[in-house]
Amino acid sequence: MKICIIAGCSLKKLEYSAKAIDMNQGQLFRSIRKLAARNHFDMKILSGKYGLLDANEVIDPYNQKIRTQKDILNVRSHAIPKLISIWEKYDLIIVIMGNNYRKVVEPLFDNKFLIVYDRRGIGGYLSLISKYNKLSTAKLLKELEQFRCINHTPTLKEKVKLLEGI
């Protein structure tokens, strides 16, 4: 099974150009990175400036968050084409990010997505990911089933319409 984790970028970043996976230095991001590596999952990063990034894309430092509906729509216009490609390539997509970041990719959510959520905020996410980092891949996937998205599966026609609306 081919699995990808999509994580939101972190506030704490390096001050020089680096791979996207190295640029983000926040504690939650580092924990998600460890989770992906331990389980041999691919990882993508949703950036407030660059949209959806491959882990090894080299980027310049930035400080741009997704705060408003306008930000959501702007980043979505860059992210959706890449997300459609990811959707086709992976059997399972695990999303771990804050609310406004989730809204960027939300139009494509279907039963292929596991949307990890904790209402306690960053502390809750850190607690969950710490727990998940101690599990085998099989146990992790079983535990994550509680986050399975039950939205309908977008048809190819709906995806194309989404792209045209960007």
N, C-alpha and C. Protein backbone atom coordinates (compact mmCIF):
# COMPACT_ATOMS: atom_id res chain seq x y z
N MET A 1 0.84 -1.18 0.00
CA MET A 1 0.00 0.00 0.00
C MET A 1 0.89 1.24 0.00
N LYS A 2 0.60 2.18 -0.88
CA LYS A 2 1.38 3.42 -0.99
C LYS A 2 0.69 4.51 -0.16
N ILE A 3 1.42 5.06 0.83
CA ILE A 3 0.85 6.00 1.79
C ILE A 3 1.65 7.30 1.81
N CYS A 4 0.91 8.40 1.95
CA CYS A 4 1.52 9.73 2.03
C CYS A 4 0.93 10.48 3.22
N ILE A 5 1.79 11.17 3.93
CA ILE A 5 1.35 12.10 4.98
C ILE A 5 1.49 13.50 4.42
N ILE A 6 0.44 14.31 4.58
CA ILE A 6 0.53 15.73 4.25
C ILE A 6 0.45 16.49 5.56
N ALA A 7 1.51 17.26 5.84
CA ALA A 7 1.59 18.04 7.08
C ALA A 7 1.60 19.52 6.75
N GLY A 8 1.04 20.30 7.65
CA GLY A 8 1.14 21.75 7.51
C GLY A 8 2.54 22.19 7.88
N CYS A 9 2.98 23.30 7.32
CA CYS A 9 4.30 23.83 7.64
C CYS A 9 4.31 24.32 9.09
N SER A 10 5.50 24.58 9.60
CA SER A 10 5.60 25.04 10.99
C SER A 10 6.00 26.51 11.03
N LEU A 11 5.71 27.14 12.14
CA LEU A 11 6.07 28.55 12.32
C LEU A 11 7.60 28.70 12.43
N LYS A 12 8.22 27.77 13.13
CA LYS A 12 9.67 27.80 13.31
C LYS A 12 10.34 27.21 12.07
N LYS A 13 11.21 28.02 11.44
CA LYS A 13 11.88 27.59 10.21
C LYS A 13 13.35 27.98 10.24
N LEU A 14 14.12 27.34 9.38
CA LEU A 14 15.51 27.73 9.20
C LEU A 14 15.57 29.13 8.60
N GLU A 15 16.72 29.76 8.69
CA GLU A 15 16.88 31.12 8.16
C GLU A 15 17.63 31.14 6.83
N TYR A 16 17.74 29.98 6.19
CA TYR A 16 18.44 29.89 4.91
C TYR A 16 17.71 28.88 4.02
N SER A 17 17.96 28.90 2.74
CA SER A 17 17.30 27.99 1.80
C SER A 17 17.63 26.54 2.15
N ALA A 18 16.61 25.68 2.03
CA ALA A 18 16.78 24.27 2.38
C ALA A 18 15.62 23.47 1.78
N LYS A 19 15.76 22.15 1.84
CA LYS A 19 14.64 21.29 1.45
C LYS A 19 13.46 21.58 2.37
N ALA A 20 12.25 21.51 1.83
CA ALA A 20 11.05 21.81 2.61
C ALA A 20 10.98 20.99 3.89
N ILE A 21 11.38 19.74 3.83
CA ILE A 21 11.32 18.87 5.01
C ILE A 21 12.32 19.30 6.07
N ASP A 22 13.42 19.93 5.66
CA ASP A 22 14.41 20.44 6.60
C ASP A 22 14.09 21.86 7.07
N MET A 23 13.43 22.63 6.22
CA MET A 23 13.11 24.03 6.53
C MET A 23 12.26 24.14 7.79
N ASN A 24 11.28 23.26 7.93
CA ASN A 24 10.33 23.33 9.03
C ASN A 24 10.92 22.69 10.28
N GLN A 25 10.98 23.47 11.35
CA GLN A 25 11.68 23.06 12.57
C GLN A 25 10.79 22.95 13.80
N GLY A 26 9.49 23.16 13.64
CA GLY A 26 8.60 23.09 14.79
C GLY A 26 8.53 21.68 15.38
N GLN A 27 8.22 21.59 16.66
CA GLN A 27 8.19 20.30 17.36
C GLN A 27 7.17 19.35 16.75
N LEU A 28 5.97 19.84 16.44
CA LEU A 28 4.94 18.98 15.85
C LEU A 28 5.39 18.50 14.47
N PHE A 29 5.93 19.40 13.67
CA PHE A 29 6.38 19.00 12.34
C PHE A 29 7.47 17.93 12.42
N ARG A 30 8.42 18.12 13.33
CA ARG A 30 9.50 17.13 13.49
C ARG A 30 8.94 15.77 13.92
N SER A 31 7.89 15.78 14.76
CA SER A 31 7.26 14.53 15.18
C SER A 31 6.55 13.84 14.02
N ILE A 32 5.89 14.63 13.17
CA ILE A 32 5.21 14.07 11.99
C ILE A 32 6.25 13.52 11.02
N ARG A 33 7.34 14.25 10.85
CA ARG A 33 8.42 13.80 9.99
C ARG A 33 8.96 12.45 10.46
N LYS A 34 9.15 12.31 11.77
CA LYS A 34 9.61 11.05 12.34
C LYS A 34 8.60 9.93 12.08
N LEU A 35 7.31 10.24 12.22
CA LEU A 35 6.24 9.26 11.98
C LEU A 35 6.31 8.76 10.53
N ALA A 36 6.46 9.68 9.60
CA ALA A 36 6.55 9.31 8.19
C ALA A 36 7.78 8.43 7.93
N ALA A 37 8.91 8.85 8.46
CA ALA A 37 10.16 8.10 8.24
C ALA A 37 10.09 6.70 8.85
N ARG A 38 9.60 6.60 10.09
CA ARG A 38 9.53 5.30 10.78
C ARG A 38 8.69 4.28 10.02
N ASN A 39 7.66 4.79 9.34
CA ASN A 39 6.71 3.91 8.67
C ASN A 39 6.91 3.85 7.16
N HIS A 40 7.96 4.50 6.68
CA HIS A 40 8.28 4.52 5.24
C HIS A 40 7.14 5.10 4.41
N PHE A 41 6.49 6.16 4.96
CA PHE A 41 5.46 6.88 4.23
C PHE A 41 6.12 8.05 3.51
N ASP A 42 5.62 8.40 2.34
CA ASP A 42 6.06 9.63 1.68
C ASP A 42 5.48 10.80 2.45
N MET A 43 6.08 11.98 2.27
CA MET A 43 5.60 13.15 2.98
C MET A 43 5.55 14.35 2.05
N LYS A 44 4.49 15.12 2.18
CA LYS A 44 4.30 16.39 1.47
C LYS A 44 4.02 17.45 2.52
N ILE A 45 4.30 18.70 2.19
CA ILE A 45 4.12 19.80 3.13
C ILE A 45 3.24 20.86 2.49
N LEU A 46 2.21 21.29 3.24
CA LEU A 46 1.38 22.39 2.76
C LEU A 46 1.94 23.69 3.35
N SER A 47 2.40 24.55 2.47
CA SER A 47 3.05 25.81 2.84
C SER A 47 2.12 26.98 2.59
N GLY A 48 2.13 27.94 3.50
CA GLY A 48 1.33 29.15 3.32
C GLY A 48 1.82 30.02 2.17
N LYS A 49 3.06 29.83 1.77
CA LYS A 49 3.60 30.61 0.66
C LYS A 49 3.68 29.81 -0.63
N TYR A 50 4.13 28.56 -0.55
CA TYR A 50 4.44 27.79 -1.74
C TYR A 50 3.36 26.79 -2.16
N GLY A 51 2.33 26.61 -1.36
CA GLY A 51 1.32 25.60 -1.67
C GLY A 51 1.80 24.22 -1.25
N LEU A 52 1.48 23.21 -2.02
CA LEU A 52 1.83 21.84 -1.68
C LEU A 52 3.22 21.51 -2.20
N LEU A 53 4.10 21.12 -1.29
CA LEU A 53 5.51 20.87 -1.62
C LEU A 53 5.88 19.41 -1.46
N ASP A 54 6.75 18.94 -2.33
CA ASP A 54 7.41 17.67 -2.10
C ASP A 54 8.44 17.90 -1.01
N ALA A 55 8.70 16.89 -0.21
CA ALA A 55 9.61 17.02 0.93
C ALA A 55 10.99 17.52 0.51
N ASN A 56 11.46 17.14 -0.66
CA ASN A 56 12.83 17.49 -1.07
C ASN A 56 12.93 18.74 -1.93
N GLU A 57 11.82 19.46 -2.12
CA GLU A 57 11.89 20.72 -2.87
C GLU A 57 12.65 21.75 -2.05
N VAL A 58 13.61 22.41 -2.68
CA VAL A 58 14.38 23.45 -2.00
C VAL A 58 13.59 24.76 -2.08
N ILE A 59 13.42 25.37 -0.91
CA ILE A 59 12.67 26.62 -0.82
C ILE A 59 13.46 27.65 -0.01
N ASP A 60 13.09 28.91 -0.19
CA ASP A 60 13.68 29.99 0.59
C ASP A 60 12.89 30.17 1.88
N PRO A 61 13.52 30.72 2.91
CA PRO A 61 12.82 30.96 4.17
C PRO A 61 11.64 31.93 3.95
N TYR A 62 10.61 31.78 4.75
CA TYR A 62 9.44 32.64 4.63
C TYR A 62 8.67 32.62 5.95
N ASN A 63 7.77 33.56 6.07
CA ASN A 63 6.88 33.61 7.22
C ASN A 63 5.51 34.03 6.71
N GLN A 64 4.78 33.09 6.18
CA GLN A 64 3.47 33.38 5.60
C GLN A 64 2.51 32.29 6.02
N LYS A 65 1.50 32.66 6.80
CA LYS A 65 0.54 31.69 7.30
C LYS A 65 -0.77 31.77 6.50
N ILE A 66 -1.55 30.73 6.59
CA ILE A 66 -2.89 30.72 5.98
C ILE A 66 -3.85 31.13 7.09
N ARG A 67 -4.35 32.36 6.99
CA ARG A 67 -5.19 32.92 8.06
C ARG A 67 -6.63 33.19 7.62
N THR A 68 -6.80 33.66 6.41
CA THR A 68 -8.11 34.14 5.97
C THR A 68 -8.67 33.26 4.85
N GLN A 69 -9.94 33.47 4.53
CA GLN A 69 -10.55 32.75 3.42
C GLN A 69 -9.83 33.07 2.11
N LYS A 70 -9.38 34.31 1.96
CA LYS A 70 -8.62 34.70 0.77
C LYS A 70 -7.32 33.90 0.68
N ASP A 71 -6.63 33.74 1.82
CA ASP A 71 -5.40 32.93 1.86
C ASP A 71 -5.70 31.48 1.46
N ILE A 72 -6.79 30.95 2.01
CA ILE A 72 -7.18 29.56 1.72
C ILE A 72 -7.37 29.38 0.22
N LEU A 73 -8.12 30.28 -0.40
CA LEU A 73 -8.40 30.18 -1.84
C LEU A 73 -7.13 30.37 -2.67
N ASN A 74 -6.26 31.29 -2.25
CA ASN A 74 -5.02 31.54 -2.98
C ASN A 74 -4.11 30.31 -2.95
N VAL A 75 -3.91 29.74 -1.77
CA VAL A 75 -3.05 28.56 -1.66
C VAL A 75 -3.69 27.37 -2.36
N ARG A 76 -5.01 27.27 -2.26
CA ARG A 76 -5.73 26.17 -2.92
C ARG A 76 -5.48 26.18 -4.42
N SER A 77 -5.42 27.36 -5.02
CA SER A 77 -5.22 27.44 -6.47
C SER A 77 -3.88 26.81 -6.89
N HIS A 78 -2.90 26.85 -5.99
CA HIS A 78 -1.60 26.23 -6.27
C HIS A 78 -1.57 24.76 -5.85
N ALA A 79 -2.31 24.44 -4.79
CA ALA A 79 -2.22 23.11 -4.18
C ALA A 79 -3.09 22.05 -4.85
N ILE A 80 -4.27 22.42 -5.32
CA ILE A 80 -5.22 21.43 -5.84
C ILE A 80 -4.65 20.62 -7.02
N PRO A 81 -4.01 21.24 -8.01
CA PRO A 81 -3.47 20.41 -9.11
C PRO A 81 -2.48 19.35 -8.60
N LYS A 82 -1.60 19.72 -7.65
CA LYS A 82 -0.66 18.75 -7.09
C LYS A 82 -1.39 17.71 -6.25
N LEU A 83 -2.41 18.16 -5.52
CA LEU A 83 -3.16 17.23 -4.68
C LEU A 83 -3.89 16.19 -5.52
N ILE A 84 -4.41 16.58 -6.66
CA ILE A 84 -5.08 15.62 -7.55
C ILE A 84 -4.07 14.57 -8.01
N SER A 85 -2.87 15.01 -8.33
CA SER A 85 -1.82 14.06 -8.72
C SER A 85 -1.50 13.11 -7.58
N ILE A 86 -1.42 13.63 -6.37
CA ILE A 86 -1.16 12.80 -5.19
C ILE A 86 -2.31 11.83 -4.97
N TRP A 87 -3.52 12.32 -5.11
CA TRP A 87 -4.72 11.50 -4.92
C TRP A 87 -4.69 10.27 -5.82
N GLU A 88 -4.23 10.46 -7.05
CA GLU A 88 -4.17 9.36 -8.01
C GLU A 88 -3.03 8.39 -7.70
N LYS A 89 -1.96 8.86 -7.08
CA LYS A 89 -0.74 8.10 -6.88
C LYS A 89 -0.74 7.24 -5.60
N TYR A 90 -1.52 7.64 -4.60
CA TYR A 90 -1.47 6.98 -3.29
C TYR A 90 -2.76 6.24 -2.97
N ASP A 91 -2.60 5.17 -2.19
CA ASP A 91 -3.75 4.40 -1.71
C ASP A 91 -4.38 5.04 -0.48
N LEU A 92 -3.56 5.76 0.28
CA LEU A 92 -4.00 6.36 1.53
C LEU A 92 -3.26 7.67 1.73
N ILE A 93 -4.00 8.71 2.15
CA ILE A 93 -3.41 10.02 2.38
C ILE A 93 -3.78 10.45 3.80
N ILE A 94 -2.77 10.64 4.63
CA ILE A 94 -2.98 11.05 6.02
C ILE A 94 -2.72 12.54 6.11
N VAL A 95 -3.70 13.29 6.60
CA VAL A 95 -3.60 14.75 6.69
C VAL A 95 -3.47 15.13 8.16
N ILE A 96 -2.38 15.86 8.48
CA ILE A 96 -2.16 16.33 9.85
C ILE A 96 -1.79 17.81 9.76
N MET A 97 -2.77 18.68 10.05
CA MET A 97 -2.53 20.12 9.97
C MET A 97 -3.68 20.87 10.63
N GLY A 98 -3.46 22.15 10.86
CA GLY A 98 -4.47 23.02 11.47
C GLY A 98 -5.67 23.25 10.56
N ASN A 99 -6.69 23.83 11.13
CA ASN A 99 -7.98 24.01 10.48
C ASN A 99 -7.91 24.77 9.15
N ASN A 100 -7.28 25.94 9.12
CA ASN A 100 -7.23 26.72 7.88
C ASN A 100 -6.43 26.00 6.80
N TYR A 101 -5.41 25.27 7.20
CA TYR A 101 -4.62 24.49 6.24
C TYR A 101 -5.46 23.34 5.68
N ARG A 102 -6.23 22.69 6.56
CA ARG A 102 -7.11 21.60 6.11
C ARG A 102 -8.12 22.11 5.09
N LYS A 103 -8.62 23.31 5.29
CA LYS A 103 -9.62 23.87 4.37
C LYS A 103 -9.07 24.02 2.95
N VAL A 104 -7.76 24.18 2.82
CA VAL A 104 -7.14 24.29 1.49
C VAL A 104 -7.38 23.02 0.69
N VAL A 105 -7.18 21.88 1.32
CA VAL A 105 -7.23 20.60 0.60
C VAL A 105 -8.57 19.88 0.76
N GLU A 106 -9.44 20.41 1.57
CA GLU A 106 -10.73 19.80 1.88
C GLU A 106 -11.61 19.43 0.68
N PRO A 107 -11.62 20.20 -0.40
CA PRO A 107 -12.50 19.84 -1.52
C PRO A 107 -12.26 18.44 -2.10
N LEU A 108 -11.09 17.87 -1.89
CA LEU A 108 -10.81 16.54 -2.44
C LEU A 108 -10.96 15.42 -1.41
N PHE A 109 -11.32 15.75 -0.18
CA PHE A 109 -11.43 14.71 0.84
C PHE A 109 -12.45 13.65 0.42
N ASP A 110 -12.03 12.40 0.52
CA ASP A 110 -12.90 11.26 0.29
C ASP A 110 -12.41 10.13 1.18
N ASN A 111 -12.88 8.91 0.95
CA ASN A 111 -12.53 7.81 1.84
C ASN A 111 -11.07 7.35 1.72
N LYS A 112 -10.30 7.97 0.86
CA LYS A 112 -8.87 7.69 0.75
C LYS A 112 -8.08 8.49 1.81
N PHE A 113 -8.75 9.46 2.43
CA PHE A 113 -8.11 10.37 3.38
C PHE A 113 -8.39 9.98 4.83
N LEU A 114 -7.34 10.10 5.65
CA LEU A 114 -7.47 10.02 7.10
C LEU A 114 -7.12 11.42 7.61
N ILE A 115 -8.10 12.11 8.19
CA ILE A 115 -7.92 13.49 8.61
C ILE A 115 -7.69 13.50 10.12
N VAL A 116 -6.43 13.48 10.53
CA VAL A 116 -6.11 13.43 11.96
C VAL A 116 -6.48 14.78 12.59
N TYR A 117 -7.25 14.69 13.67
CA TYR A 117 -7.74 15.91 14.32
C TYR A 117 -7.73 15.73 15.82
N ASP A 118 -7.35 16.79 16.53
CA ASP A 118 -7.44 16.79 17.98
C ASP A 118 -7.89 18.17 18.43
N ARG A 119 -9.01 18.24 19.10
CA ARG A 119 -9.60 19.53 19.49
C ARG A 119 -8.78 20.27 20.54
N ARG A 120 -7.80 19.57 21.15
CA ARG A 120 -6.97 20.21 22.18
C ARG A 120 -5.89 21.09 21.57
N GLY A 121 -5.82 21.16 20.25
CA GLY A 121 -4.82 22.01 19.60
C GLY A 121 -3.46 21.33 19.52
N ILE A 122 -2.41 22.15 19.47
CA ILE A 122 -1.07 21.61 19.23
C ILE A 122 -0.65 20.61 20.30
N GLY A 123 -1.02 20.85 21.54
CA GLY A 123 -0.68 19.90 22.61
C GLY A 123 -1.32 18.54 22.37
N GLY A 124 -2.56 18.55 21.91
CA GLY A 124 -3.26 17.31 21.59
C GLY A 124 -2.62 16.58 20.42
N TYR A 125 -2.26 17.35 19.39
CA TYR A 125 -1.60 16.76 18.22
C TYR A 125 -0.26 16.13 18.63
N LEU A 126 0.51 16.86 19.45
CA LEU A 126 1.80 16.34 19.90
C LEU A 126 1.63 15.04 20.68
N SER A 127 0.61 15.00 21.52
CA SER A 127 0.34 13.79 22.31
C SER A 127 -0.03 12.62 21.39
N LEU A 128 -0.90 12.87 20.42
CA LEU A 128 -1.30 11.82 19.47
C LEU A 128 -0.10 11.30 18.67
N ILE A 129 0.66 12.22 18.10
CA ILE A 129 1.78 11.80 17.24
C ILE A 129 2.84 11.08 18.07
N SER A 130 3.07 11.52 19.29
CA SER A 130 4.01 10.83 20.17
C SER A 130 3.56 9.38 20.40
N LYS A 131 2.27 9.21 20.65
CA LYS A 131 1.70 7.86 20.83
C LYS A 131 1.86 7.05 19.54
N TYR A 132 1.56 7.67 18.40
CA TYR A 132 1.62 6.96 17.12
C TYR A 132 3.05 6.55 16.76
N ASN A 133 4.02 7.34 17.20
CA ASN A 133 5.42 7.02 16.89
C ASN A 133 5.91 5.78 17.62
N LYS A 134 5.13 5.27 18.57
CA LYS A 134 5.51 4.07 19.32
C LYS A 134 4.85 2.81 18.76
N LEU A 135 3.97 2.97 17.76
CA LEU A 135 3.22 1.84 17.23
C LEU A 135 3.87 1.26 15.98
N SER A 136 3.62 -0.02 15.76
CA SER A 136 4.02 -0.63 14.49
C SER A 136 3.14 -0.02 13.39
N THR A 137 3.56 -0.16 12.15
CA THR A 137 2.77 0.39 11.04
C THR A 137 1.37 -0.19 11.02
N ALA A 138 1.22 -1.49 11.23
CA ALA A 138 -0.10 -2.13 11.22
C ALA A 138 -0.99 -1.56 12.32
N LYS A 139 -0.45 -1.42 13.53
CA LYS A 139 -1.23 -0.86 14.64
C LYS A 139 -1.55 0.61 14.41
N LEU A 140 -0.59 1.34 13.85
CA LEU A 140 -0.82 2.75 13.53
C LEU A 140 -1.98 2.90 12.57
N LEU A 141 -1.97 2.13 11.48
CA LEU A 141 -3.04 2.25 10.49
C LEU A 141 -4.39 1.87 11.08
N LYS A 142 -4.40 0.88 11.95
CA LYS A 142 -5.66 0.50 12.62
C LYS A 142 -6.14 1.64 13.51
N GLU A 143 -5.23 2.24 14.25
CA GLU A 143 -5.57 3.36 15.14
C GLU A 143 -6.08 4.57 14.35
N LEU A 144 -5.48 4.83 13.19
CA LEU A 144 -5.85 5.98 12.38
C LEU A 144 -7.19 5.82 11.67
N GLU A 145 -7.72 4.61 11.63
CA GLU A 145 -9.01 4.38 10.96
C GLU A 145 -10.12 5.25 11.53
N GLN A 146 -10.00 5.64 12.80
CA GLN A 146 -11.02 6.50 13.41
C GLN A 146 -11.12 7.86 12.71
N PHE A 147 -10.11 8.21 11.93
CA PHE A 147 -10.09 9.50 11.24
C PHE A 147 -10.46 9.39 9.76
N ARG A 148 -10.94 8.22 9.34
CA ARG A 148 -11.30 7.99 7.94
C ARG A 148 -12.38 8.99 7.53
N CYS A 149 -12.14 9.67 6.42
CA CYS A 149 -13.11 10.60 5.86
C CYS A 149 -14.22 9.80 5.19
N ILE A 150 -15.46 10.20 5.41
CA ILE A 150 -16.57 9.45 4.82
C ILE A 150 -17.29 10.26 3.74
N ASN A 151 -16.65 11.31 3.27
CA ASN A 151 -17.22 12.08 2.15
C ASN A 151 -17.29 11.21 0.90
N HIS A 152 -18.13 11.62 -0.03
CA HIS A 152 -18.20 10.88 -1.30
C HIS A 152 -16.89 11.00 -2.05
N THR A 153 -16.66 10.07 -2.93
CA THR A 153 -15.47 10.10 -3.76
C THR A 153 -15.70 11.03 -4.94
N PRO A 154 -14.88 12.10 -5.07
CA PRO A 154 -15.06 12.99 -6.23
C PRO A 154 -14.79 12.23 -7.53
N THR A 155 -15.65 12.45 -8.49
CA THR A 155 -15.44 11.83 -9.80
C THR A 155 -14.37 12.62 -10.53
N LEU A 156 -13.85 12.05 -11.60
CA LEU A 156 -12.86 12.76 -12.40
C LEU A 156 -13.47 14.06 -12.92
N LYS A 157 -14.74 14.03 -13.29
CA LYS A 157 -15.42 15.23 -13.78
C LYS A 157 -15.44 16.32 -12.70
N GLU A 158 -15.70 15.91 -11.45
CA GLU A 158 -15.73 16.88 -10.34
C GLU A 158 -14.34 17.46 -10.10
N LYS A 159 -13.31 16.62 -10.22
CA LYS A 159 -11.94 17.10 -10.02
C LYS A 159 -11.56 18.11 -11.11
N VAL A 160 -11.92 17.80 -12.34
CA VAL A 160 -11.62 18.71 -13.46
C VAL A 160 -12.35 20.03 -13.24
N LYS A 161 -13.60 19.96 -12.79
CA LYS A 161 -14.38 21.17 -12.52
C LYS A 161 -13.71 21.99 -11.42
N LEU A 162 -13.19 21.31 -10.41
CA LEU A 162 -12.44 21.99 -9.34
C LEU A 162 -11.24 22.73 -9.91
N LEU A 163 -10.51 22.08 -10.79
CA LEU A 163 -9.34 22.70 -11.41
C LEU A 163 -9.75 23.89 -12.27
N GLU A 164 -10.85 23.77 -12.98
CA GLU A 164 -11.30 24.85 -13.84
C GLU A 164 -11.73 26.06 -13.03
N GLY A 165 -12.22 25.82 -11.81
CA GLY A 165 -12.68 26.89 -10.94
C GLY A 165 -11.56 27.66 -10.27
N ILE A 166 -10.34 27.19 -10.43
CA ILE A 166 -9.20 27.82 -9.78
C ILE A 166 -8.77 29.05 -10.54
